[in-house]
C-alpha atoms as a PDB file:
ATOM      1  CA  MET A   1      98.444 105.133  88.070  1.00  0.00           C
ATOM      2  CA  LEU A   2      97.101 103.332  91.112  1.00  0.00           C
ATOM      3  CA  VAL A   3      98.211 100.089  92.703  1.00  0.00           C
ATOM      4  CA  THR A   4      95.637  97.905  94.399  1.00  0.00           C
ATOM      5  CA  GLY A   5      95.580  94.542  96.121  1.00  0.00           C
ATOM      6  CA  GLN A   6      94.731  92.855  99.377  1.00  0.00           C
ATOM      7  CA  VAL A   7      96.285  93.907 102.666  1.00  0.00           C
ATOM      8  CA  GLY A   8      99.886  92.661 102.664  1.00  0.00           C
ATOM      9  CA  SER A   9     100.139  92.393  98.871  1.00  0.00           C
ATOM     10  CA  GLY A  10     103.092  94.810  98.755  1.00  0.00           C
ATOM     11  CA  LYS A  11     101.480  98.119  97.778  1.00  0.00           C
ATOM     12  CA  SER A  12     103.251 100.245 100.406  1.00  0.00           C
ATOM     13  CA  SER A  13     106.583  98.494  99.858  1.00  0.00           C
ATOM     14  CA  LEU A  14     106.383  99.080  96.105  1.00  0.00           C
ATOM     15  CA  LEU A  15     105.620 102.778  96.589  1.00  0.00           C
ATOM     16  CA  ALA A  16     108.387 103.228  99.175  1.00  0.00           C
ATOM     17  CA  GLY A  17     110.844 101.630  96.732  1.00  0.00           C
ATOM     18  CA  LEU A  18     109.651 103.897  93.940  1.00  0.00           C
ATOM     19  CA  ALA A  19     110.137 106.929  96.170  1.00  0.00           C
ATOM     20  CA  GLY A  20     113.693 105.797  96.976  1.00  0.00           C
ATOM     21  CA  LEU A  21     112.890 105.253 100.659  1.00  0.00           C
ATOM     22  CA  VAL A  22     113.797 101.553 100.823  1.00  0.00           C
ATOM     23  CA  GLY A  23     116.068  99.211  98.913  1.00  0.00           C
ATOM     24  CA  HIS A  24     114.557  97.236  96.087  1.00  0.00           C
ATOM     25  CA  GLU A  25     115.205  94.616  93.466  1.00  0.00           C
ATOM     26  CA  GLY A  26     114.788  95.357  89.802  1.00  0.00           C
ATOM     27  CA  VAL A  27     115.090  98.605  87.908  1.00  0.00           C
ATOM     28  CA  ILE A  28     113.331 101.934  88.355  1.00  0.00           C
ATOM     29  CA  ARG A  29     112.987 103.835  85.087  1.00  0.00           C
ATOM     30  CA  TRP A  30     112.409 107.569  84.793  1.00  0.00           C
ATOM     31  CA  ASN A  31     111.124 108.589  81.356  1.00  0.00           C
ATOM     32  CA  GLY A  32     112.549 105.387  79.910  1.00  0.00           C
ATOM     33  CA  ARG A  33     116.010 105.705  81.493  1.00  0.00           C
ATOM     34  CA  ALA A  34     117.239 103.425  84.266  1.00  0.00           C
ATOM     35  CA  VAL A  35     117.866 105.234  87.568  1.00  0.00           C
ATOM     36  CA  SER A  36     121.274 104.069  88.811  1.00  0.00           C
ATOM     37  CA  ASP A  37     121.109 105.626  92.311  1.00  0.00           C
ATOM     38  CA  PRO A  38     117.442 105.985  93.359  1.00  0.00           C
ATOM     39  CA  GLN A  39     118.197 107.441  96.790  1.00  0.00           C
ATOM     40  CA  THR A  40     120.048 110.350  95.182  1.00  0.00           C
ATOM     41  CA  PHE A  41     117.980 110.746  92.032  1.00  0.00           C
ATOM     42  CA  LEU A  42     114.518 110.407  93.600  1.00  0.00           C
ATOM     43  CA  ARG A  43     115.016 113.371  95.885  1.00  0.00           C
ATOM     44  CA  PRO A  44     112.547 115.841  97.341  1.00  0.00           C
ATOM     45  CA  GLY A  45     111.637 118.359  94.688  1.00  0.00           C
ATOM     46  CA  GLN A  46     111.692 115.649  92.059  1.00  0.00           C
ATOM     47  CA  VAL A  47     109.560 113.149  93.967  1.00  0.00           C
ATOM     48  CA  ALA A  48     107.175 113.959  96.807  1.00  0.00           C
ATOM     49  CA  TYR A  49     106.015 111.115  99.038  1.00  0.00           C
ATOM     50  CA  VAL A  50     102.747 111.117 100.972  1.00  0.00           C
ATOM     51  CA  GLY A  51     102.736 108.291 103.501  1.00  0.00           C
ATOM     52  CA  GLN A  52      99.826 106.137 104.524  1.00  0.00           C
ATOM     53  CA  VAL A  53      99.754 107.790 107.946  1.00  0.00           C
ATOM     54  CA  PRO A  54     101.085 111.301 107.315  1.00  0.00           C
ATOM     55  CA  ARG A  55     102.471 113.497 110.064  1.00  0.00           C
ATOM     56  CA  VAL A  56     101.245 116.957 110.892  1.00  0.00           C
ATOM     57  CA  LEU A  57     103.395 119.338 112.898  1.00  0.00           C
ATOM     58  CA  SER A  58     102.247 121.695 115.611  1.00  0.00           C
ATOM     59  CA  GLY A  59     101.833 125.123 114.052  1.00  0.00           C
ATOM     60  CA  THR A  60      99.761 126.638 111.297  1.00  0.00           C
ATOM     61  CA  PHE A  61      98.350 125.231 108.075  1.00  0.00           C
ATOM     62  CA  GLY A  62     100.866 127.318 106.126  1.00  0.00           C
ATOM     63  CA  ASP A  63     103.786 126.035 108.241  1.00  0.00           C
ATOM     64  CA  ASN A  64     102.707 122.435 107.662  1.00  0.00           C
ATOM     65  CA  ILE A  65     102.495 122.871 103.910  1.00  0.00           C
ATOM     66  CA  ALA A  66     105.563 125.040 103.241  1.00  0.00           C
ATOM     67  CA  LEU A  67     107.801 123.293 105.823  1.00  0.00           C
ATOM     68  CA  GLY A  68     110.043 126.336 106.124  1.00  0.00           C
ATOM     69  CA  HIS A  69     110.525 126.786 102.378  1.00  0.00           C
ATOM     70  CA  ASP A  70     109.648 129.966 100.566  1.00  0.00           C
ATOM     71  CA  ARG A  71     106.920 128.593  98.340  1.00  0.00           C
ATOM     72  CA  PRO A  72     103.367 129.640  97.606  1.00  0.00           C
ATOM     73  CA  VAL A  73     100.852 127.315  99.183  1.00  0.00           C
ATOM     74  CA  GLN A  74      97.441 128.584  98.043  1.00  0.00           C
ATOM     75  CA  ASP A  75      97.215 126.591  94.773  1.00  0.00           C
ATOM     76  CA  ALA A  76      98.385 123.443  96.567  1.00  0.00           C
ATOM     77  CA  VAL A  77      95.780 123.989  99.298  1.00  0.00           C
ATOM     78  CA  GLY A  78      93.036 124.323  96.677  1.00  0.00           C
ATOM     79  CA  ASP A  79      94.150 121.316  94.640  1.00  0.00           C
ATOM     80  CA  ALA A  80      94.337 119.176  97.800  1.00  0.00           C
ATOM     81  CA  ARG A  81      90.712 120.192  98.522  1.00  0.00           C
ATOM     82  CA  ARG A  82      91.728 121.980 101.752  1.00  0.00           C
ATOM     83  CA  ASP A  83      90.699 125.521 100.782  1.00  0.00           C
ATOM     84  CA  ARG A  84      87.258 125.438 102.466  1.00  0.00           C
ATOM     85  CA  ASP A  85      88.665 123.920 105.668  1.00  0.00           C
ATOM     86  CA  VAL A  86      91.566 126.369 105.846  1.00  0.00           C
ATOM     87  CA  ALA A  87      89.267 129.340 105.202  1.00  0.00           C
ATOM     88  CA  ALA A  88      86.781 128.137 107.837  1.00  0.00           C
ATOM     89  CA  ALA A  89      89.599 127.734 110.378  1.00  0.00           C
ATOM     90  CA  GLY A  90      90.821 131.309 109.794  1.00  0.00           C
ATOM     91  CA  GLY A  91      93.227 131.033 106.850  1.00  0.00           C
ATOM     92  CA  PRO A  92      96.766 129.690 106.359  1.00  0.00           C
ATOM     93  CA  ASP A  93      97.908 131.275 109.635  1.00  0.00           C
ATOM     94  CA  ALA A  94      95.330 129.324 111.672  1.00  0.00           C
ATOM     95  CA  VAL A  95      96.848 126.894 114.154  1.00  0.00           C
ATOM     96  CA  VAL A  96      96.155 123.182 113.576  1.00  0.00           C
ATOM     97  CA  GLY A  97      96.723 122.279 117.211  1.00  0.00           C
ATOM     98  CA  HIS A  98      99.390 120.091 118.762  1.00  0.00           C
ATOM     99  CA  ARG A  99     100.432 117.730 115.938  1.00  0.00           C
ATOM    100  CA  GLY A 100      97.173 118.426 114.135  1.00  0.00           C
ATOM    101  CA  ILE A 101      94.889 117.369 116.972  1.00  0.00           C
ATOM    102  CA  ARG A 102      92.111 119.607 115.616  1.00  0.00           C
ATOM    103  CA  LEU A 103      92.108 117.824 112.248  1.00  0.00           C
ATOM    104  CA  SER A 104      90.212 114.742 111.125  1.00  0.00           C
ATOM    105  CA  GLY A 105      92.006 111.877 109.371  1.00  0.00           C
ATOM    106  CA  GLY A 106      90.855 113.140 105.971  1.00  0.00           C
ATOM    107  CA  GLN A 107      92.041 116.659 106.764  1.00  0.00           C
ATOM    108  CA  VAL A 108      95.473 115.326 107.777  1.00  0.00           C
ATOM    109  CA  GLN A 109      95.702 113.415 104.490  1.00  0.00           C
ATOM    110  CA  ARG A 110      94.840 116.551 102.525  1.00  0.00           C
ATOM    111  CA  VAL A 111      97.395 118.662 104.429  1.00  0.00           C
ATOM    112  CA  ALA A 112     100.031 116.072 103.485  1.00  0.00           C
ATOM    113  CA  MET A 113      98.877 116.133  99.845  1.00  0.00           C
ATOM    114  CA  ALA A 114      99.012 119.947  99.790  1.00  0.00           C
ATOM    115  CA  ARG A 115     102.550 119.728 101.214  1.00  0.00           C
ATOM    116  CA  ALA A 116     103.560 117.357  98.409  1.00  0.00           C
ATOM    117  CA  LEU A 117     101.923 119.505  95.719  1.00  0.00           C
ATOM    118  CA  ALA A 118     103.577 122.680  97.033  1.00  0.00           C
ATOM    119  CA  THR A 119     107.007 121.198  96.292  1.00  0.00           C
ATOM    120  CA  GLY A 120     106.319 121.271  92.554  1.00  0.00           C
ATOM    121  CA  ALA A 121     107.688 117.715  92.322  1.00  0.00           C
ATOM    122  CA  GLU A 122     107.467 115.930  88.982  1.00  0.00           C
ATOM    123  CA  LEU A 123     106.082 112.791  90.645  1.00  0.00           C
ATOM    124  CA  ILE A 124     103.741 112.425  93.620  1.00  0.00           C
ATOM    125  CA  VAL A 125     103.904 109.018  95.316  1.00  0.00           C
ATOM    126  CA  ALA A 126     100.776 108.724  97.462  1.00  0.00           C
ATOM    127  CA  ASP A 127     100.179 105.707  99.689  1.00  0.00           C
ATOM    128  CA  ASP A 128      96.414 105.402 100.199  1.00  0.00           C
ATOM    129  CA  VAL A 129      96.010 109.173 100.373  1.00  0.00           C
ATOM    130  CA  SER A 130      92.229 109.110 100.021  1.00  0.00           C
ATOM    131  CA  SER A 131      91.395 106.356 102.529  1.00  0.00           C
ATOM    132  CA  ALA A 132      89.795 108.750 105.041  1.00  0.00           C
ATOM    133  CA  LEU A 133      87.989 110.930 102.484  1.00  0.00           C
ATOM    134  CA  ASP A 134      84.300 110.909 101.707  1.00  0.00           C
ATOM    135  CA  VAL A 135      83.411 110.023  98.116  1.00  0.00           C
ATOM    136  CA  ARG A 136      82.666 113.604  97.008  1.00  0.00           C
ATOM    137  CA  THR A 137      85.939 115.001  98.377  1.00  0.00           C
ATOM    138  CA  GLU A 138      87.861 112.075  96.904  1.00  0.00           C
ATOM    139  CA  ILE A 139      86.390 112.673  93.443  1.00  0.00           C
ATOM    140  CA  GLU A 140      87.219 116.383  93.730  1.00  0.00           C
ATOM    141  CA  LEU A 141      90.789 115.574  94.800  1.00  0.00           C
ATOM    142  CA  TRP A 142      91.450 113.246  91.849  1.00  0.00           C
ATOM    143  CA  ALA A 143      89.856 115.725  89.445  1.00  0.00           C
ATOM    144  CA  ALA A 144      92.062 118.539  90.784  1.00  0.00           C
ATOM    145  CA  LEU A 145      95.197 116.385  90.435  1.00  0.00           C
ATOM    146  CA  ARG A 146      94.242 115.596  86.822  1.00  0.00           C
ATOM    147  CA  ARG A 147      93.661 119.304  86.018  1.00  0.00           C
ATOM    148  CA  ARG A 148      96.978 120.149  87.621  1.00  0.00           C
ATOM    149  CA  GLY A 149      98.718 117.640  85.352  1.00  0.00           C
ATOM    150  CA  SER A 150     100.473 115.981  88.284  1.00  0.00           C
ATOM    151  CA  THR A 151     101.915 112.535  87.716  1.00  0.00           C
ATOM    152  CA  VAL A 152     100.637 110.487  90.625  1.00  0.00           C
ATOM    153  CA  VAL A 153     101.500 106.908  91.474  1.00  0.00           C
ATOM    154  CA  GLY A 154      99.482 105.781  94.432  1.00  0.00           C
ATOM    155  CA  ALA A 155      97.792 102.940  96.239  1.00  0.00           C
ATOM    156  CA  SER A 156      94.073 102.625  96.815  1.00  0.00           C
ATOM    157  CA  THR A 157      91.332 100.080  97.245  1.00  0.00           C
ATOM    158  CA  LYS A 158      88.561 102.624  96.778  1.00  0.00           C
ATOM    159  CA  ARG A 159      86.403 102.128  93.709  1.00  0.00           C
ATOM    160  CA  ALA A 160      86.027 105.902  93.072  1.00  0.00           C
ATOM    161  CA  ALA A 161      89.811 106.341  92.898  1.00  0.00           C
ATOM    162  CA  LEU A 162      90.439 103.223  90.802  1.00  0.00           C
ATOM    163  CA  ALA A 163      87.801 104.296  88.277  1.00  0.00           C
ATOM    164  CA  ARG A 164      89.606 107.628  87.749  1.00  0.00           C
ATOM    165  CA  ALA A 165      93.117 106.217  87.338  1.00  0.00           C
ATOM    166  CA  ASP A 166      94.625 106.015  83.853  1.00  0.00           C
ATOM    167  CA  ARG A 167      96.086 102.647  84.780  1.00  0.00           C
ATOM    168  CA  VAL A 168      95.617 100.224  87.659  1.00  0.00           C
ATOM    169  CA  VAL A 169      98.152  97.595  88.710  1.00  0.00           C
ATOM    170  CA  VAL A 170      96.857  94.673  90.780  1.00  0.00           C
ATOM    171  CA  LEU A 171      99.398  93.197  93.198  1.00  0.00           C
ATOM    172  CA  ASP A 172      99.109  89.711  94.635  1.00  0.00           C
ATOM    173  CA  ARG A 173     101.756  88.531  97.127  1.00  0.00           C
ATOM    174  CA  GLY A 174     104.268  91.100  95.897  1.00  0.00           C
ATOM    175  CA  ARG A 175     103.847  90.336  92.202  1.00  0.00           C
ATOM    176  CA  VAL A 176     101.917  92.058  89.433  1.00  0.00           C
ATOM    177  CA  ALA A 177      98.816  89.938  88.807  1.00  0.00           C
ATOM    178  CA  ASP A 178      97.095  92.210  86.294  1.00  0.00           C
ATOM    179  CA  GLU A 179      97.137  95.726  84.894  1.00  0.00           C
ATOM    180  CA  GLY A 180      95.043  98.031  82.754  1.00  0.00           C
ATOM    181  CA  PRO A 181      92.144 100.477  83.100  1.00  0.00           C
ATOM    182  CA  TRP A 182      89.834  99.670  86.006  1.00  0.00           C
ATOM    183  CA  ASP A 183      86.816  99.194  83.729  1.00  0.00           C
ATOM    184  CA  GLU A 184      88.692  96.266  82.126  1.00  0.00           C
ATOM    185  CA  LEU A 185      89.902  94.856  85.448  1.00  0.00           C
ATOM    186  CA  ALA A 186      86.763  95.268  87.560  1.00  0.00           C
ATOM    187  CA  ALA A 187      85.100  92.040  86.411  1.00  0.00           C
ATOM    188  CA  ARG A 188      88.069  90.033  87.754  1.00  0.00           C
ATOM    189  CA  TRP A 189      89.147  92.170  90.700  1.00  0.00           C
ATOM    190  CA  SER A 190      86.073  94.043  91.986  1.00  0.00           C
ATOM    191  CA  HIS A 191      86.331  92.134  95.293  1.00  0.00           C
ATOM    192  CA  LEU A 192      89.421  94.269  96.055  1.00  0.00           C
ATOM    193  CA  ALA A 193      87.544  97.579  95.757  1.00  0.00           C
ATOM    194  CA  GLY A 194      85.424  99.136  98.458  1.00  0.00           C
END
């Protein structure tokens, strides 16, 4: 599911609330059951959050994805469409530079997505994770997430992403203005998609 809307419509706030990062009004439901304590229930391992401007640490690709945990990273690297870049740089032990200085914006976003996927979380909350990706890479990323079976709730204003979402929610001034498949919404909301 993707959330879309104009700048300031509340997309990032909604996703941060869903990930348990900020307080919220209303009820969050997990498989039909109300979550009584989101900050405890929506914990890492159950929910992985990829921020709009993700952070990369100094160190290697592998260090940035595993974050000190003993977890395999290769499948996550492939599904995040980072495998070619990592191989070209010298593999998972290649250094990304001081805080990822050697990486483009799209590469940083994909490192953060690989990090989230490596956790094995049931839900990936991704705030505009494909904003710096070219169309081909973006289509590959969404296809890989679908094959993986990951449940992703994210925000995007990119037409290619919206067209691939099972469901799109349109926000307007913090409220749901419309929802459904993008092909049903596009006639009314295409001005939101780039």
